[in-house]
Amino acid sequence: MNQALQGLLDLLDLEQIEENIFRGQSRSAVVPRVFGGQVAAQALVAAGRTVPADRPAHSLHAYFLRMGDPGAPIVYNVDRMRDGRSFTTRRVVAIQHGKPIFALSASFQTYEEGMDHQAPMPPAPDPATLPTSEERLRGYDHLAPDVVERFLEARQAVDLRYVDEPPYGQFGEPREPHSQVWFRTNGKLGGSDDEPLLHVVLATYVSDMTLLDSVLLAHGRGGWAVGDVVGASLDHAMWFHRPFRADEWLLYDQESPSAHGGRGLGQARIYTQDGRLAVSVIQEGVVRIPR
């Protein structure tokens, strides 16, 4: 396991302060605030630590309330809302400097047999044929060197490969509001790290990296990397349909059905490489053109 992946796992491994109270560390993202995927992932860890291991997460719904301070720890308070015969529900509030910055509700369920169908996996090239993040980013002369380095640092733990040019790679003209990304952790998970909750948590972390790309594509905008939009995540929802491994290739198929009123909506499906629909994701974010 590489050092960056171990660092991410350490970041997600919360300290328990009291029953139902956990503390996590934070770090800077591409922009000078706590990465939203980090807070969502840590909140899901906090919720999962209060749920029996035989009840995997099947959904989460979250709101980003305030910008996180990367220089301060985050306290996660867990409310044990329901412990039913089949379902368990938790609510988590993340607090910094005495104020809530994030709120998450998550539901967990014991495994049971039932009806089974899914949307088919869309066509996508083999991830092994696609350039790595470093290969793409090093080739963009229009990006400032510090921007490239911040992107690469943020993605050291994750092998993330765009099928087509990302918004910041090709912009100026509108494109179809559709984006595909393959991703997996930069290393295999094993031993005590190899637990179902962690794979779900890691997918939650990555899911916030690229979901609003399709909004930018529809308007020919390059995004935060080139400074032609400002924005932030507002809310985030995920449904975990089938088991998957975050250290094996996952296809993140994303699109934007709407943008209006300074907000853009992204929706996506995550498939395993053999075509199983693993996760559905929806996110709305602030997407504004600078004045």
Protein backbone atom coordinates (compact mmCIF):
# COMPACT_ATOMS: atom_id res chain seq x y z
CA MET A 1 0.00 0.00 0.00
CA ASN A 2 1.43 3.38 -0.97
CA GLN A 3 1.98 6.14 1.57
CA ALA A 4 -0.76 8.39 0.16
CA LEU A 5 -3.42 5.66 0.48
CA GLN A 6 -2.30 4.89 4.02
CA GLY A 7 -2.57 8.60 4.78
CA LEU A 8 -6.14 8.65 3.47
CA LEU A 9 -7.06 5.60 5.57
CA ASP A 10 -5.54 7.29 8.63
CA LEU A 11 -7.57 10.45 7.85
CA LEU A 12 -10.77 8.38 7.79
CA ASP A 13 -9.94 6.48 10.99
CA LEU A 14 -11.74 8.59 13.61
CA GLU A 15 -10.90 8.89 17.28
CA GLN A 16 -13.75 8.00 19.63
CA ILE A 17 -14.05 10.62 22.38
CA GLU A 18 -17.25 9.43 24.08
CA GLU A 19 -20.10 7.15 23.20
CA ASN A 20 -21.58 8.54 19.96
CA ILE A 21 -18.91 11.28 19.71
CA PHE A 22 -15.93 11.04 17.36
CA ARG A 23 -13.15 13.36 16.27
CA GLY A 24 -11.49 13.51 12.86
CA GLN A 25 -8.58 15.48 11.50
CA SER A 26 -8.85 17.62 8.38
CA ARG A 27 -6.62 18.75 5.59
CA SER A 28 -6.71 21.17 2.69
CA ALA A 29 -8.19 20.24 -0.67
CA VAL A 30 -7.66 21.64 -4.17
CA VAL A 31 -9.40 24.78 -2.91
CA PRO A 32 -8.50 26.27 0.53
CA ARG A 33 -11.21 24.50 2.52
CA VAL A 34 -11.96 20.99 3.73
CA PHE A 35 -12.87 18.69 0.84
CA GLY A 36 -16.57 17.83 1.02
CA GLY A 37 -15.94 14.17 0.24
CA GLN A 38 -13.70 13.97 3.31
CA VAL A 39 -16.42 15.27 5.65
CA ALA A 40 -19.06 12.98 4.11
CA ALA A 41 -16.77 9.97 4.37
CA GLN A 42 -15.78 10.70 7.97
CA ALA A 43 -19.42 11.23 8.96
CA LEU A 44 -20.30 7.86 7.44
CA VAL A 45 -17.46 6.26 9.41
CA ALA A 46 -18.86 7.79 12.61
CA ALA A 47 -22.35 6.47 11.83
CA GLY A 48 -21.03 3.04 10.89
CA ARG A 49 -19.04 2.71 14.12
CA THR A 50 -22.37 2.66 16.02
CA VAL A 51 -24.02 -0.01 13.81
CA PRO A 52 -23.53 -3.81 13.86
CA ALA A 53 -21.10 -5.00 11.18
CA ASP A 54 -23.76 -7.24 9.60
CA ARG A 55 -25.81 -4.17 8.60
CA PRO A 56 -24.10 -2.47 5.62
CA ALA A 57 -24.97 1.08 4.61
CA HIS A 58 -27.59 1.30 1.88
CA SER A 59 -28.14 5.06 1.66
CA LEU A 60 -27.00 8.46 2.84
CA HIS A 61 -28.41 11.97 2.50
CA ALA A 62 -26.29 14.96 3.45
CA TYR A 63 -26.15 18.76 3.52
CA PHE A 64 -23.03 20.91 3.44
CA LEU A 65 -23.82 23.79 5.81
CA ARG A 66 -20.60 25.77 6.20
CA MET A 67 -17.12 25.80 4.74
CA GLY A 68 -14.78 23.55 6.72
CA ASP A 69 -11.54 24.85 8.24
CA PRO A 70 -8.66 22.55 7.22
CA GLY A 71 -6.61 23.74 10.19
CA ALA A 72 -8.99 22.44 12.85
CA PRO A 73 -10.31 19.01 13.85
CA ILE A 74 -13.95 18.09 13.23
CA VAL A 75 -16.21 16.63 15.91
CA TYR A 76 -18.92 14.19 14.80
CA ASN A 77 -21.99 13.73 17.02
CA VAL A 78 -24.03 10.62 16.23
CA ASP A 79 -27.75 10.41 17.01
CA ARG A 80 -28.99 6.80 17.16
CA MET A 81 -32.37 7.56 15.63
CA ARG A 82 -33.62 4.00 15.06
CA ASP A 83 -32.55 0.41 15.64
CA GLY A 84 -35.18 -1.73 13.93
CA ARG A 85 -35.37 -5.41 13.13
CA SER A 86 -34.07 -4.87 9.58
CA PHE A 87 -33.02 -1.22 9.35
CA THR A 88 -30.82 1.05 11.45
CA THR A 89 -30.84 4.84 11.02
CA ARG A 90 -28.24 7.32 12.21
CA ARG A 91 -27.97 11.11 12.03
CA VAL A 92 -24.54 12.73 12.24
CA VAL A 93 -23.69 16.40 12.72
CA ALA A 94 -20.13 17.58 12.05
CA ILE A 95 -19.02 20.53 14.19
CA GLN A 96 -16.12 22.96 13.95
CA HIS A 97 -15.55 26.03 16.12
CA GLY A 98 -18.86 25.36 17.89
CA LYS A 99 -20.96 25.44 14.70
CA PRO A 100 -22.38 22.66 12.50
CA ILE A 101 -20.68 22.48 9.11
CA PHE A 102 -22.30 19.28 7.79
CA ALA A 103 -25.27 17.03 8.53
CA LEU A 104 -25.76 13.45 7.36
CA SER A 105 -28.50 10.85 7.70
CA ALA A 106 -27.53 7.27 6.88
CA SER A 107 -29.49 4.04 6.79
CA PHE A 108 -28.16 0.51 7.24
CA GLN A 109 -29.91 -2.81 6.53
CA THR A 110 -29.42 -6.49 7.24
CA TYR A 111 -28.98 -8.52 4.05
CA GLU A 112 -32.10 -10.11 2.58
CA GLU A 113 -33.15 -11.75 -0.68
CA GLY A 114 -35.50 -9.87 -2.98
CA MET A 115 -36.33 -8.73 -6.50
CA ASP A 116 -33.31 -7.88 -8.62
CA HIS A 117 -32.91 -5.74 -11.75
CA GLN A 118 -30.65 -2.87 -12.82
CA ALA A 119 -29.97 -0.33 -15.55
CA PRO A 120 -27.34 -1.69 -17.97
CA MET A 121 -23.79 -0.41 -17.80
CA PRO A 122 -23.06 2.15 -20.56
CA PRO A 123 -20.18 1.55 -22.97
CA ALA A 124 -16.79 2.76 -21.73
CA PRO A 125 -13.18 2.06 -22.72
CA ASP A 126 -10.91 -0.18 -20.66
CA PRO A 127 -9.38 1.98 -17.87
CA ALA A 128 -5.94 0.53 -18.63
CA THR A 129 -6.02 2.31 -22.01
CA LEU A 130 -6.64 5.76 -20.48
CA PRO A 131 -4.04 8.30 -19.29
CA THR A 132 -3.49 8.66 -15.56
CA SER A 133 -4.27 11.92 -13.76
CA GLU A 134 -0.59 12.81 -13.77
CA GLU A 135 -0.21 12.13 -17.49
CA ARG A 136 -3.18 14.37 -18.27
CA LEU A 137 -2.37 17.17 -15.86
CA ARG A 138 1.31 17.42 -16.79
CA GLY A 139 0.21 17.98 -20.39
CA TYR A 140 -1.91 21.08 -19.68
CA ASP A 141 0.27 24.13 -20.26
CA HIS A 142 -2.64 26.48 -19.53
CA LEU A 143 -2.88 25.34 -15.89
CA ALA A 144 -0.71 27.08 -13.31
CA PRO A 145 1.95 24.73 -11.87
CA ASP A 146 0.60 25.14 -8.33
CA VAL A 147 -2.89 24.13 -9.53
CA VAL A 148 -1.49 20.98 -11.14
CA GLU A 149 0.41 20.09 -7.97
CA ARG A 150 -2.68 20.62 -5.78
CA PHE A 151 -4.73 18.36 -8.06
CA LEU A 152 -2.06 15.66 -8.04
CA GLU A 153 -1.62 15.84 -4.28
CA ALA A 154 -5.38 15.49 -3.76
CA ARG A 155 -5.44 12.38 -5.96
CA GLN A 156 -2.33 10.54 -4.80
CA ALA A 157 -4.43 7.96 -2.96
CA VAL A 158 -6.83 7.39 -5.86
CA ASP A 159 -6.14 6.31 -9.44
CA LEU A 160 -8.71 8.45 -11.28
CA ARG A 161 -8.88 8.37 -15.09
CA TYR A 162 -11.16 10.49 -17.29
CA VAL A 163 -12.58 8.83 -20.40
CA ASP A 164 -12.69 12.22 -22.20
CA GLU A 165 -11.05 15.57 -21.51
CA PRO A 166 -12.06 16.99 -18.11
CA PRO A 167 -13.63 20.48 -18.01
CA TYR A 168 -10.34 22.15 -17.12
CA GLY A 169 -8.58 20.35 -19.98
CA GLN A 170 -10.85 21.54 -22.78
CA PHE A 171 -13.18 24.51 -22.29
CA GLY A 172 -14.62 27.52 -24.08
CA GLU A 173 -17.31 25.68 -26.05
CA PRO A 174 -20.31 23.81 -24.57
CA ARG A 175 -20.13 20.03 -24.66
CA GLU A 176 -22.58 17.26 -23.87
CA PRO A 177 -23.27 17.36 -20.10
CA HIS A 178 -21.94 13.84 -19.63
CA SER A 179 -18.69 12.65 -18.09
CA GLN A 180 -17.17 9.25 -17.35
CA VAL A 181 -14.38 8.52 -14.90
CA TRP A 182 -12.81 5.22 -13.86
CA PHE A 183 -11.43 5.12 -10.31
CA ARG A 184 -9.93 2.81 -7.71
CA THR A 185 -7.65 3.21 -4.72
CA ASN A 186 -3.93 3.41 -5.47
CA GLY A 187 -3.24 0.10 -3.78
CA LYS A 188 -5.03 -2.99 -2.51
CA LEU A 189 -6.85 -3.07 0.81
CA GLY A 190 -6.21 -5.97 3.13
CA GLY A 191 -6.16 -7.12 6.74
CA SER A 192 -8.07 -4.92 9.18
CA ASP A 193 -8.61 -2.34 6.43
CA ASP A 194 -10.57 -4.78 4.27
CA GLU A 195 -14.07 -4.29 5.67
CA PRO A 196 -17.28 -3.55 3.69
CA LEU A 197 -17.87 -0.20 5.40
CA LEU A 198 -14.46 1.12 4.33
CA HIS A 199 -15.13 0.37 0.64
CA VAL A 200 -18.39 2.31 0.88
CA VAL A 201 -16.67 5.15 2.73
CA LEU A 202 -13.93 5.40 0.08
CA ALA A 203 -16.50 5.54 -2.73
CA THR A 204 -18.25 8.31 -0.81
CA TYR A 205 -14.97 10.21 -0.59
CA VAL A 206 -14.29 9.94 -4.34
CA SER A 207 -17.90 10.65 -5.36
CA ASP A 208 -17.51 14.36 -4.52
CA MET A 209 -14.44 14.85 -6.74
CA THR A 210 -16.01 15.04 -10.20
CA LEU A 211 -19.82 14.96 -9.99
CA LEU A 212 -20.38 18.60 -10.96
CA ASP A 213 -18.06 18.30 -13.98
CA SER A 214 -21.04 17.64 -16.25
CA VAL A 215 -22.58 20.98 -15.22
CA LEU A 216 -19.39 22.74 -16.33
CA LEU A 217 -19.26 20.83 -19.62
CA ALA A 218 -22.75 22.01 -20.59
CA HIS A 219 -21.56 25.63 -20.42
CA GLY A 220 -18.00 25.31 -21.71
CA ARG A 221 -16.55 26.22 -18.34
CA GLY A 222 -13.20 24.95 -17.06
CA GLY A 223 -14.12 25.21 -13.41
CA TRP A 224 -12.21 26.05 -10.28
CA ALA A 225 -8.86 25.07 -11.81
CA VAL A 226 -9.02 27.94 -14.31
CA GLY A 227 -11.12 30.37 -12.24
CA ASP A 228 -14.10 30.78 -14.58
CA VAL A 229 -16.62 29.57 -11.98
CA VAL A 230 -16.94 29.61 -8.21
CA GLY A 231 -18.96 27.07 -6.33
CA ALA A 232 -19.37 24.44 -3.64
CA SER A 233 -21.41 21.33 -2.89
CA LEU A 234 -24.80 21.93 -1.30
CA ASP A 235 -26.23 18.48 -0.77
CA HIS A 236 -25.28 14.91 -1.62
CA ALA A 237 -27.21 11.63 -1.70
CA MET A 238 -26.04 8.07 -2.37
CA TRP A 239 -27.73 4.68 -2.58
CA PHE A 240 -25.57 1.57 -2.27
CA HIS A 241 -27.24 -1.19 -4.28
CA ARG A 242 -24.71 -4.03 -4.46
CA PRO A 243 -21.38 -4.91 -2.81
CA PHE A 244 -18.22 -3.61 -4.47
CA ARG A 245 -14.55 -3.07 -3.77
CA ALA A 246 -13.02 0.39 -3.88
CA ASP A 247 -9.62 -1.10 -4.77
CA GLU A 248 -11.01 -2.51 -8.03
CA TRP A 249 -11.99 -0.41 -11.06
CA LEU A 250 -15.33 1.40 -10.80
CA LEU A 251 -16.96 3.38 -13.61
CA TYR A 252 -18.46 6.70 -12.50
CA ASP A 253 -20.97 7.65 -15.22
CA GLN A 254 -22.15 11.24 -14.60
CA GLU A 255 -24.55 13.70 -16.22
CA SER A 256 -26.29 16.99 -15.48
CA PRO A 257 -30.02 17.29 -16.25
CA SER A 258 -30.32 20.91 -15.08
CA ALA A 259 -28.62 24.11 -13.97
CA HIS A 260 -30.59 27.17 -12.86
CA GLY A 261 -30.56 29.94 -10.27
CA GLY A 262 -26.84 29.65 -9.49
CA ARG A 263 -27.18 25.91 -8.80
CA GLY A 264 -26.29 22.87 -10.88
CA LEU A 265 -27.46 19.27 -10.50
CA GLY A 266 -25.31 16.23 -11.13
CA GLN A 267 -26.52 12.64 -11.12
CA ALA A 268 -24.51 9.48 -11.62
CA ARG A 269 -24.25 5.73 -11.44
CA ILE A 270 -21.23 3.74 -10.32
CA TYR A 271 -20.66 0.33 -11.94
CA THR A 272 -18.18 -2.44 -11.22
CA GLN A 273 -15.95 -3.39 -14.13
CA ASP A 274 -18.04 -6.52 -14.75
CA GLY A 275 -21.20 -4.42 -15.18
CA ARG A 276 -22.99 -4.53 -11.82
CA LEU A 277 -24.73 -1.31 -10.75
CA ALA A 278 -23.19 -0.62 -7.35
CA VAL A 279 -24.16 2.95 -6.41
CA SER A 280 -26.46 5.79 -7.49
CA VAL A 281 -25.45 9.38 -6.67
CA ILE A 282 -27.11 12.80 -6.86
CA GLN A 283 -25.58 16.13 -5.88
CA GLU A 284 -26.57 19.77 -6.19
CA GLY A 285 -23.99 22.51 -5.92
CA VAL A 286 -23.57 26.24 -6.18
CA VAL A 287 -22.09 27.03 -9.62
CA ARG A 288 -21.68 30.76 -10.23
CA ILE A 289 -19.91 32.79 -12.88
CA PRO A 290 -17.55 35.29 -11.18
CA ARG A 291 -18.57 38.93 -11.48
